[in-house]
Protein backbone atom coordinates (compact mmCIF):
# COMPACT_ATOMS: atom_id res chain seq x y z
CA MET A 1 -16.39 -8.93 -17.03
CA ILE A 2 -15.52 -5.51 -15.75
CA VAL A 3 -13.17 -7.04 -13.10
CA PHE A 4 -11.16 -8.67 -15.93
CA LEU A 5 -10.83 -5.33 -17.62
CA LEU A 6 -9.11 -3.97 -14.51
CA PHE A 7 -6.35 -6.36 -15.24
CA LEU A 8 -6.43 -6.43 -19.00
CA ILE A 9 -6.26 -2.67 -19.70
CA PRO A 10 -2.95 -2.02 -17.96
CA LEU A 11 -1.57 -5.33 -19.27
CA ILE A 12 -2.25 -4.45 -22.85
CA GLY A 13 -1.28 -0.77 -22.26
CA GLY A 14 2.06 -1.92 -20.80
CA LEU A 15 2.86 -4.24 -23.68
CA VAL A 16 2.02 -1.49 -26.20
CA SER A 17 4.21 0.90 -24.33
CA PHE A 18 7.33 -1.14 -25.07
CA LEU A 19 6.70 -0.54 -28.81
CA ILE A 20 6.40 3.27 -28.58
CA ARG A 21 9.87 4.74 -29.14
CA ASP A 22 9.01 8.47 -28.77
CA GLY A 23 9.36 9.64 -25.18
CA LYS A 24 6.51 12.16 -25.22
CA ALA A 25 4.19 9.79 -27.03
CA VAL A 26 4.74 6.96 -24.55
CA ARG A 27 4.03 9.39 -21.69
CA ILE A 28 0.77 10.42 -23.21
CA TRP A 29 -0.16 6.79 -23.94
CA THR A 30 0.51 5.64 -20.36
CA LEU A 31 -1.42 8.57 -18.81
CA PHE A 32 -4.32 7.80 -21.23
CA VAL A 33 -4.29 4.08 -20.21
CA SER A 34 -4.23 5.04 -16.51
CA ILE A 35 -7.12 7.49 -16.91
CA VAL A 36 -9.18 4.87 -18.80
CA LEU A 37 -8.58 2.41 -16.03
CA LEU A 38 -9.63 4.94 -13.44
CA GLY A 39 -12.85 5.40 -15.29
CA VAL A 40 -13.48 1.62 -15.32
CA SER A 41 -12.66 1.41 -11.58
CA LEU A 42 -15.10 4.22 -10.73
CA ALA A 43 -17.74 2.57 -12.84
CA ALA A 44 -17.21 -0.69 -11.00
CA ASN A 45 -17.55 1.07 -7.64
CA ASN A 46 -20.60 3.21 -8.48
CA PHE A 47 -22.55 2.01 -11.46
CA VAL A 48 -22.26 -1.80 -11.69
CA ALA A 49 -24.42 -3.79 -9.31
CA ASP A 50 -24.72 -7.01 -11.30
CA PRO A 51 -22.67 -9.73 -9.46
CA ALA A 52 -21.93 -11.34 -12.85
CA GLN A 53 -20.18 -8.23 -13.97
CA LEU A 54 -18.13 -7.99 -10.82
CA SER A 55 -16.76 -11.52 -11.16
CA PHE A 56 -14.82 -13.42 -13.86
CA ASN A 57 -14.11 -17.18 -14.11
CA ALA A 58 -12.41 -19.10 -16.90
CA GLN A 59 -10.51 -22.27 -17.35
CA TRP A 60 -6.87 -22.05 -16.62
CA LEU A 61 -5.06 -25.00 -14.94
CA GLY A 62 -7.95 -27.36 -14.55
CA THR A 63 -5.72 -30.47 -13.97
CA LEU A 64 -4.33 -28.65 -10.87
CA GLY A 65 -7.70 -27.49 -9.61
CA SER A 66 -6.95 -23.81 -10.41
CA SER A 67 -9.10 -21.49 -12.38
CA PHE A 68 -8.69 -17.89 -13.65
CA SER A 69 -11.23 -16.53 -11.19
CA MET A 70 -11.46 -12.88 -10.08
CA LYS A 71 -13.99 -10.97 -8.03
CA LEU A 72 -14.73 -7.52 -6.77
CA ASP A 73 -15.93 -7.22 -3.20
CA GLY A 74 -15.64 -4.29 -0.76
CA LEU A 75 -11.97 -4.94 0.00
CA SER A 76 -10.84 -5.43 -3.58
CA LYS A 77 -12.96 -2.53 -4.78
CA LEU A 78 -11.18 -0.19 -2.30
CA LEU A 79 -7.69 -1.27 -3.28
CA CYS A 80 -8.37 -1.33 -6.96
CA LEU A 81 -9.71 2.22 -6.71
CA LEU A 82 -6.49 3.27 -4.83
CA THR A 83 -4.35 1.72 -7.57
CA ALA A 84 -6.45 3.38 -10.26
CA VAL A 85 -6.39 6.81 -8.55
CA ALA A 86 -2.65 6.70 -7.77
CA TYR A 87 -1.29 6.04 -11.23
CA PRO A 88 -2.59 9.12 -13.07
CA ILE A 89 -1.49 11.34 -10.17
CA ILE A 90 2.01 9.70 -10.27
CA PHE A 91 2.26 10.13 -14.06
CA ILE A 92 1.12 13.78 -13.87
CA ALA A 93 3.44 14.63 -11.01
CA THR A 94 6.50 13.15 -12.66
CA TRP A 95 5.73 14.42 -16.13
CA LYS A 96 8.92 16.36 -16.40
CA SER A 97 11.14 13.55 -14.95
CA SER A 98 13.59 12.24 -17.45
CA TYR A 99 14.17 8.50 -17.96
CA THR A 100 16.44 6.63 -20.31
CA ARG A 101 14.49 4.14 -22.40
CA PRO A 102 11.11 5.77 -21.33
CA ASN A 103 9.13 3.11 -23.23
CA ASN A 104 10.57 0.31 -21.12
CA PHE A 105 10.10 2.33 -17.93
CA PHE A 106 6.45 3.14 -18.49
CA GLY A 107 5.81 -0.33 -19.85
CA LEU A 108 7.07 -1.91 -16.67
CA MET A 109 5.03 0.55 -14.57
CA LEU A 110 1.85 -0.49 -16.26
CA LEU A 111 2.72 -4.11 -15.98
CA THR A 112 3.14 -3.59 -12.23
CA GLN A 113 -0.32 -2.03 -12.11
CA ALA A 114 -1.77 -5.08 -13.99
CA GLY A 115 -0.20 -7.32 -11.34
CA LEU A 116 -1.58 -5.21 -8.53
CA MET A 117 -5.12 -5.33 -9.93
CA GLY A 118 -4.75 -9.07 -10.21
CA VAL A 119 -3.61 -9.55 -6.62
CA PHE A 120 -6.48 -7.46 -5.26
CA THR A 121 -9.14 -9.38 -7.28
CA ALA A 122 -7.87 -13.01 -7.49
CA THR A 123 -10.05 -15.62 -5.76
CA ASP A 124 -7.88 -18.57 -6.64
CA ALA A 125 -4.70 -19.09 -4.54
CA LEU A 126 -2.47 -20.14 -7.46
CA LEU A 127 -3.69 -17.24 -9.58
CA PHE A 128 -3.08 -14.91 -6.60
CA TYR A 129 0.49 -16.09 -6.45
CA PHE A 130 0.92 -15.60 -10.23
CA PHE A 131 -0.29 -11.98 -9.94
CA TRP A 132 1.84 -11.46 -6.84
CA GLU A 133 4.96 -12.29 -8.86
CA LEU A 134 3.67 -10.25 -11.80
CA ALA A 135 3.47 -7.20 -9.62
CA LEU A 136 6.93 -7.73 -8.12
CA ILE A 137 9.10 -8.70 -11.06
CA PRO A 138 8.76 -5.43 -13.05
CA VAL A 139 9.66 -3.53 -9.88
CA TYR A 140 13.05 -5.39 -9.74
CA PHE A 141 13.89 -4.17 -13.22
CA LEU A 142 12.61 -0.63 -12.50
CA CYS A 143 14.80 -0.29 -9.40
CA SER A 144 17.87 -1.81 -10.95
CA GLY A 145 17.54 -0.05 -14.28
CA TRP A 146 16.56 3.46 -13.16
CA GLY A 147 17.55 3.65 -9.47
CA GLY A 148 20.37 5.42 -7.72
CA GLU A 149 24.04 4.69 -7.38
CA LYS A 150 23.56 1.78 -4.95
CA ARG A 151 20.65 0.39 -6.89
CA ILE A 152 22.29 -2.95 -7.75
CA SER A 153 23.07 -4.02 -4.16
CA VAL A 154 19.82 -2.64 -2.83
CA THR A 155 17.78 -4.33 -5.53
CA PHE A 156 19.48 -7.61 -4.82
CA LYS A 157 18.55 -7.23 -1.17
CA PHE A 158 15.03 -6.46 -2.14
CA PHE A 159 14.96 -9.51 -4.44
CA ILE A 160 16.25 -11.85 -1.74
CA TYR A 161 13.72 -10.63 0.86
CA THR A 162 10.70 -10.71 -1.42
CA PHE A 163 11.63 -13.87 -3.38
CA THR A 164 12.20 -15.88 -0.14
CA ALA A 165 8.90 -14.57 1.19
CA SER A 166 7.11 -15.56 -2.05
CA VAL A 167 8.51 -19.08 -1.94
CA VAL A 168 7.43 -19.51 1.69
CA MET A 169 4.00 -18.28 0.79
CA LEU A 170 3.77 -20.70 -2.11
CA ILE A 171 4.70 -23.61 0.21
CA GLY A 172 1.85 -22.63 2.53
CA LEU A 173 -0.66 -22.36 -0.28
CA VAL A 174 0.36 -25.71 -1.78
CA TYR A 175 -0.03 -27.35 1.64
CA LEU A 176 -3.54 -25.88 1.99
CA TYR A 177 -4.32 -27.15 -1.53
CA PHE A 178 -3.53 -30.72 -0.45
CA GLN A 179 -5.84 -30.39 2.51
CA THR A 180 -8.85 -29.53 0.34
CA PRO A 181 -11.15 -32.56 -0.35
CA ASP A 182 -11.46 -31.69 -4.05
CA ARG A 183 -7.79 -30.65 -4.59
CA SER A 184 -8.67 -27.07 -5.39
CA PHE A 185 -6.90 -23.76 -5.11
CA SER A 186 -10.24 -22.01 -4.87
CA MET A 187 -10.44 -19.40 -2.08
CA GLU A 188 -13.80 -20.83 -0.90
CA SER A 189 -12.24 -24.28 -0.68
CA PHE A 190 -9.55 -22.85 1.55
CA TYR A 191 -12.15 -21.12 3.67
CA ALA A 192 -14.04 -24.33 4.12
CA LEU A 193 -10.99 -26.08 5.67
CA ASN A 194 -11.26 -27.13 9.30
CA LEU A 195 -7.62 -27.50 10.30
CA ASP A 196 -6.72 -28.40 13.90
CA ALA A 197 -5.18 -25.82 16.19
CA SER A 198 -1.58 -27.07 15.97
CA THR A 199 -1.70 -27.16 12.09
CA GLN A 200 -3.23 -23.68 12.02
CA SER A 201 -0.42 -22.42 14.18
CA TRP A 202 2.41 -23.28 11.91
CA VAL A 203 0.45 -22.53 8.65
CA PHE A 204 -0.26 -19.10 10.19
CA TRP A 205 3.45 -18.36 10.45
CA ILE A 206 4.22 -19.59 6.89
CA LEU A 207 1.59 -17.26 5.42
CA PHE A 208 2.00 -14.36 7.80
CA LEU A 209 5.82 -14.17 7.42
CA ALA A 210 5.43 -13.85 3.61
CA PHE A 211 3.00 -11.02 4.04
CA ALA A 212 4.95 -9.39 6.91
CA VAL A 213 7.98 -8.96 4.71
CA LYS A 214 5.93 -7.24 2.03
CA MET A 215 4.20 -4.77 4.45
CA PRO A 216 6.92 -4.57 6.01
CA VAL A 217 6.58 -4.93 9.81
CA PHE A 218 9.43 -5.00 12.35
CA PRO A 219 11.75 -6.91 12.21
CA PHE A 220 11.27 -7.69 8.46
CA HIS A 221 11.52 -4.05 7.41
CA THR A 222 15.29 -3.59 6.70
CA TRP A 223 14.94 -3.81 2.90
CA GLN A 224 12.49 -0.93 2.76
CA PRO A 225 14.35 2.29 3.52
CA ASP A 226 17.23 1.47 1.20
CA THR A 227 14.84 0.46 -1.62
CA TYR A 228 12.79 3.58 -1.21
CA GLU A 229 15.87 5.73 -1.17
CA GLN A 230 17.49 4.20 -4.31
CA SER A 231 14.32 3.68 -6.42
CA PRO A 232 13.11 6.29 -8.91
CA THR A 233 10.61 8.44 -7.07
CA ALA A 234 7.70 7.37 -9.29
CA VAL A 235 8.53 3.65 -8.45
CA THR A 236 8.83 4.53 -4.73
CA MET A 237 5.32 6.03 -4.90
CA VAL A 238 3.98 2.74 -6.19
CA LEU A 239 5.96 0.74 -3.61
CA SER A 240 4.91 2.78 -0.62
CA GLY A 241 1.53 3.87 -1.73
CA ILE A 242 0.12 0.72 -3.13
CA MET A 243 2.46 -2.39 -2.89
CA VAL A 244 2.82 -2.39 0.80
CA LYS A 245 -0.97 -2.87 0.94
CA MET A 246 -0.46 -6.27 -0.69
CA GLY A 247 0.89 -7.53 2.64
CA ILE A 248 -2.03 -6.25 4.62
CA PHE A 249 -4.47 -7.46 2.04
CA GLY A 250 -2.90 -10.89 2.16
CA VAL A 251 -3.40 -11.12 5.92
CA ILE A 252 -7.08 -10.10 5.56
CA ARG A 253 -7.83 -12.29 2.56
CA TRP A 254 -5.59 -15.36 3.06
CA VAL A 255 -4.69 -15.56 6.76
CA LEU A 256 -7.42 -14.53 9.10
CA PRO A 257 -10.32 -16.42 7.45
CA ILE A 258 -8.25 -19.60 6.78
CA VAL A 259 -6.30 -20.00 10.08
CA PRO A 260 -8.29 -17.87 12.52
CA VAL A 261 -7.27 -20.07 15.56
CA GLY A 262 -3.61 -19.65 14.58
CA ALA A 263 -4.10 -15.90 14.27
CA TYR A 264 -5.80 -15.80 17.67
CA ALA A 265 -2.97 -17.87 19.29
CA TRP A 266 -0.15 -15.65 18.04
CA GLY A 267 -2.01 -12.35 17.90
CA ASP A 268 -0.46 -10.90 21.03
CA LEU A 269 3.08 -11.59 19.73
CA VAL A 270 2.30 -10.02 16.32
CA MET A 271 0.75 -6.99 17.95
CA SER A 272 3.85 -6.65 20.19
CA PHE A 273 6.27 -6.65 17.25
CA SER A 274 4.04 -4.32 15.24
CA ILE A 275 3.82 -1.73 17.99
CA ALA A 276 7.59 -2.06 18.73
CA GLY A 277 8.08 -1.32 15.01
CA ILE A 278 5.79 1.79 15.33
CA ILE A 279 7.98 3.31 18.08
CA TYR A 280 11.26 2.14 16.54
CA ALA A 281 10.50 3.55 13.08
CA SER A 282 9.20 6.79 14.47
CA ILE A 283 12.30 7.42 16.59
CA ILE A 284 14.57 6.57 13.56
CA ALA A 285 12.46 9.00 11.39
CA ILE A 286 13.09 11.76 13.88
CA GLN A 287 16.88 11.27 13.39
CA GLN A 288 16.83 11.33 9.59
CA ASP A 289 18.46 14.08 7.45
CA ASP A 290 17.34 12.51 4.19
CA LEU A 291 13.73 13.23 3.14
CA LYS A 292 13.32 9.82 1.44
CA ARG A 293 14.45 7.88 4.42
CA LEU A 294 12.34 10.01 6.82
CA ILE A 295 9.19 9.24 4.81
CA ALA A 296 10.16 5.55 4.48
CA TYR A 297 10.41 5.13 8.25
CA SER A 298 7.15 7.11 8.62
CA SER A 299 5.45 4.56 6.33
CA ILE A 300 6.77 1.65 8.42
CA ALA A 301 5.23 3.21 11.49
CA HIS A 302 1.82 3.68 9.90
CA ILE A 303 1.79 0.16 8.49
CA GLY A 304 2.78 -1.13 11.91
CA LEU A 305 -0.41 0.32 13.35
CA MET A 306 -2.55 -1.30 10.70
CA ALA A 307 -0.87 -4.69 11.33
CA ALA A 308 -1.43 -4.48 15.08
CA THR A 309 -5.03 -3.52 14.60
CA LEU A 310 -5.82 -6.51 12.40
CA PHE A 311 -5.03 -8.87 15.29
CA ALA A 312 -7.29 -6.95 17.62
CA GLU A 313 -10.06 -8.47 15.58
CA THR A 314 -12.85 -5.96 16.08
CA ARG A 315 -15.34 -4.51 13.73
CA SER A 316 -14.17 -0.85 14.13
CA GLY A 317 -10.56 -1.99 13.85
CA PHE A 318 -11.09 -3.90 10.60
CA GLN A 319 -12.94 -0.98 9.02
CA GLY A 320 -10.30 1.45 10.23
CA VAL A 321 -7.51 -0.62 8.62
CA MET A 322 -9.38 -0.86 5.31
CA ILE A 323 -10.08 2.80 4.87
CA GLN A 324 -6.67 3.65 6.17
CA MET A 325 -5.09 1.54 3.43
CA PHE A 326 -6.75 3.89 0.96
CA ASN A 327 -5.96 7.08 2.87
CA HIS A 328 -2.35 6.22 3.66
CA GLY A 329 -1.77 5.44 0.06
CA VAL A 330 -3.05 8.90 -0.91
CA ASN A 331 -1.10 10.73 1.72
CA ILE A 332 2.19 8.97 1.30
CA ILE A 333 2.15 9.53 -2.45
CA GLY A 334 1.60 13.18 -1.75
CA LEU A 335 4.65 13.34 0.44
CA TRP A 336 6.72 11.48 -2.25
CA ILE A 337 5.58 14.09 -4.84
CA VAL A 338 6.93 16.86 -2.73
CA VAL A 339 10.25 14.97 -2.31
CA GLU A 340 10.49 14.62 -6.05
CA LEU A 341 9.76 18.28 -6.68
CA ILE A 342 12.38 19.36 -4.08
CA GLU A 343 15.07 17.08 -5.32
CA ARG A 344 14.52 17.92 -8.98
CA GLN A 345 14.73 21.70 -8.36
CA PHE A 346 17.44 21.89 -5.68
CA GLY A 347 19.47 18.74 -6.29
CA THR A 348 19.31 17.58 -2.73
CA ARG A 349 17.05 15.72 -0.19
CA LYS A 350 19.02 16.69 2.87
CA LEU A 351 17.04 18.61 5.50
CA SER A 352 20.25 20.27 6.67
CA GLN A 353 20.89 21.80 3.20
CA LEU A 354 17.37 23.19 2.69
CA GLY A 355 15.34 26.04 4.23
CA GLY A 356 13.13 28.96 3.32
CA ILE A 357 11.50 27.23 0.36
CA ALA A 358 8.06 28.66 1.36
CA GLN A 359 9.33 32.13 0.42
CA LYS A 360 10.05 30.99 -3.11
CA ALA A 361 7.34 28.36 -3.53
CA PRO A 362 4.30 29.37 -1.48
CA VAL A 363 1.87 27.11 -3.40
CA LEU A 364 4.07 24.07 -2.83
CA ALA A 365 4.41 24.96 0.93
CA THR A 366 0.68 25.38 1.32
CA LEU A 367 -0.13 22.02 -0.28
CA LEU A 368 2.65 20.24 1.59
CA VAL A 369 1.38 21.56 4.97
CA ILE A 370 -2.11 20.03 4.26
CA VAL A 371 -0.53 16.64 3.26
CA ALA A 372 1.70 16.78 6.33
CA PHE A 373 -1.25 17.46 8.60
CA ALA A 374 -2.94 14.34 7.13
CA ASN A 375 0.21 12.38 7.88
CA ILE A 376 -0.16 13.14 11.52
CA SER A 377 -3.97 12.43 11.40
CA LEU A 378 -5.16 15.94 12.18
CA PRO A 379 -9.01 16.10 12.51
CA LEU A 380 -10.90 16.91 9.21
CA THR A 381 -8.08 15.17 7.26
CA ASN A 382 -8.69 11.74 5.80
CA ALA A 383 -6.25 9.86 8.13
CA PHE A 384 -7.99 11.00 11.24
CA VAL A 385 -11.04 8.74 10.68
CA GLY A 386 -8.98 5.66 9.99
CA GLU A 387 -6.70 6.08 13.00
CA PHE A 388 -9.54 6.83 15.33
CA LEU A 389 -11.29 3.62 14.32
CA MET A 390 -8.06 1.68 14.65
CA PHE A 391 -7.29 2.85 18.12
CA ASN A 392 -10.90 2.27 19.06
CA GLY A 393 -10.50 -1.30 17.67
CA ILE A 394 -7.41 -2.05 19.71
CA TRP A 395 -9.00 -0.49 22.94
CA ASN A 396 -12.15 -2.59 22.59
CA SER A 397 -10.41 -5.87 21.60
CA ALA A 398 -11.69 -8.94 23.37
CA VAL A 399 -8.99 -11.25 22.06
CA THR A 400 -6.05 -9.75 23.97
CA GLU A 401 -5.67 -9.05 27.66
CA TYR A 402 -2.99 -6.34 26.90
CA ARG A 403 -5.34 -4.02 24.99
CA ILE A 404 -4.82 -1.11 27.28
CA VAL A 405 -1.00 -1.34 27.09
CA PHE A 406 -1.09 -1.86 23.34
CA THR A 407 -3.36 1.20 22.89
CA ALA A 408 -1.18 3.38 25.03
CA LEU A 409 2.00 2.41 23.29
CA ALA A 410 0.49 2.68 19.81
CA GLY A 411 -0.83 6.11 20.82
CA LEU A 412 2.81 7.35 21.07
CA SER A 413 2.90 7.16 17.33
CA ILE A 414 0.66 10.30 17.19
CA ILE A 415 3.16 12.36 19.22
CA LEU A 416 6.19 11.01 17.45
CA ALA A 417 4.61 11.51 13.99
CA ALA A 418 3.94 15.12 14.88
CA VAL A 419 7.62 15.59 15.93
CA TYR A 420 9.22 14.28 12.76
CA THR A 421 6.63 15.81 10.36
CA LEU A 422 6.57 19.26 11.87
CA ASN A 423 10.37 19.22 12.10
CA MET A 424 10.59 18.38 8.42
CA ILE A 425 8.18 21.28 7.53
CA GLN A 426 10.17 23.75 9.62
CA LYS A 427 13.64 22.73 8.31
CA VAL A 428 12.69 22.49 4.63
CA PHE A 429 10.14 25.23 4.11
CA PHE A 430 10.70 27.88 6.80
CA GLY A 431 13.66 29.62 8.29
CA PRO A 432 16.23 31.53 6.31
CA GLU A 433 17.12 30.86 2.69
CA ASN A 434 20.54 29.61 1.72
CA ASP A 435 22.66 29.43 -1.42
CA ILE A 436 20.83 26.30 -2.55
CA THR A 437 17.23 27.54 -2.07
CA SER A 438 17.61 31.21 -2.86
CA LYS A 439 17.01 30.55 -6.57
CA GLY A 440 13.95 28.44 -6.06
CA VAL A 441 10.69 28.89 -7.99
CA ASP A 442 7.22 27.69 -7.40
CA ILE A 443 5.85 24.47 -8.91
CA ARG A 444 4.52 24.01 -12.44
CA LEU A 445 0.95 23.52 -13.50
CA ASN A 446 1.11 19.72 -13.71
CA GLU A 447 2.69 19.48 -10.30
CA LYS A 448 0.01 21.80 -8.80
CA LEU A 449 -2.63 19.60 -10.48
CA ALA A 450 -1.25 16.37 -9.00
CA LEU A 451 -0.85 17.78 -5.44
CA SER A 452 -4.24 19.50 -5.60
CA GLY A 453 -5.83 16.17 -6.43
CA ILE A 454 -4.10 14.67 -3.39
CA VAL A 455 -5.27 17.56 -1.19
CA LEU A 456 -8.83 17.27 -2.52
CA LEU A 457 -8.97 13.63 -1.55
CA ILE A 458 -7.53 14.40 1.91
CA LEU A 459 -10.23 17.04 2.59
CA VAL A 460 -13.20 15.26 1.04
CA PHE A 461 -12.65 11.89 2.84
CA GLY A 462 -11.60 13.74 6.04
CA ILE A 463 -14.87 15.70 6.13
CA TYR A 464 -17.15 12.99 4.70
CA PRO A 465 -15.69 9.50 4.94
CA GLN A 466 -19.02 7.77 4.63
CA PRO A 467 -18.44 6.48 1.01
CA LEU A 468 -15.35 4.56 2.20
CA LEU A 469 -17.21 3.21 5.24
CA ASN A 470 -20.13 2.10 3.11
CA LEU A 471 -17.79 0.42 0.64
CA THR A 472 -16.06 -1.77 3.28
CA SER A 473 -18.90 -2.39 5.81
CA GLY A 474 -20.27 -5.45 3.99
CA PHE A 475 -16.92 -7.08 3.70
CA VAL A 476 -16.11 -6.46 7.32
CA GLU A 477 -19.29 -8.20 8.36
CA SER A 478 -18.51 -11.22 6.23
CA LEU A 479 -14.94 -11.39 7.55
CA LEU A 480 -16.22 -11.28 11.18
CA THR A 481 -18.60 -14.05 10.33
CA LYS A 482 -15.81 -16.30 9.08
CA ILE A 483 -13.70 -15.66 12.17
CA ASN A 484 -16.64 -16.28 14.46
CA VAL A 485 -17.15 -19.66 12.90
CA ALA A 486 -13.96 -20.65 14.71
CA ASN A 487 -15.63 -19.58 18.03
CA LEU A 488 -13.31 -16.59 18.59
CA ILE A 489 -14.68 -13.73 20.63
CA VAL A 490 -14.90 -10.75 18.37
CA ASN A 491 -16.63 -7.47 18.99
């Protein structure tokens, strides 16, 4: 039952938010809802061992072979925890941000959270698709209603990309439904399918393309920088910190176990595009003068490494991707918080117009440096463990003959990330002050609290990552077993 609460709490909280007209009251309500949900998620991860409490099944569309079935395993626990941790931090960090019609804004934010929780826990394909759309539709309204000057054209582009991908995914899921002996959308029925190699090949592309757009990986990434730039920063935090993980999650949950032969056949090509995207996005990030676009391209590079590692199909690689999903979400939200604070105070995101902020805001500079070090995977930060496991996974892959080349090229991301991240720190926080930054002040208490929470997670899981490893180890073993059934060589 507790898994159903993860969806129900933000759903009810979001609907109630629409009815609260007072701006301060709706902020307090949404923060309260997000904290309650965080408590439920922590309880599900640490104090509930009864499998009956970690799953939920009810009648839904029985005539179509679909049920309202949800389950918490290692993968879904991790991503639900990320979602639950991120929302209170986002609400606290943006407490002073002003929105027209705040009840609608916060209501849509909580509905997005409800959809995300559903995506990460659904064990029925049709229900998964329902939650997928529930997570995306509020974001369209958030971007178009509260975004920047170009929000309408950018949101339309975002809609076209994601809607097309969703329709393609639905076609693939419906096809798999008709291949099941009992006409069922159950995840286990999909896993039990024994499709021939040629069928797996084209089904793989139908499903993977849908998830590749959402991650996004090169060359399906073009919607992302514009959307991140034009969206309200709180929405951008959700998009980059959590929603991109829907694509990676989809590959792990709905591609690799169902069409493992197709994934094996096309793995080298996917890894090639993913690694090309890492290098391309990193080089573009180095050239950026806008903080939002720099971080957007940085995110594409990090997601590209995760996508490439999935198709190395190794134990360490899978585990690295899973804990990196959590750690990347934490780190990228920290960077977006800093962007929000800088833009709100100085009225610009241009690196060329900033400088010397550390002299006026030493606390902000200190916290940002720690987050930035995590972004380049410095040892003792949370991202180091995940990236080390991912590189180890690619290097030890037995399903690609190009593992050494892929590892070497992917390794360039470490150098390139250091270049654009350290360049950002130098241009924004150090050097001489100017007319824009000379009147700067340090951050408020709520902003210190949000960034301190990010930094605490970075250091705790950088020094002691074992809880995340323990959380995902069982799921990794079960995933490897499913892939091995197809006689793939996996280490």
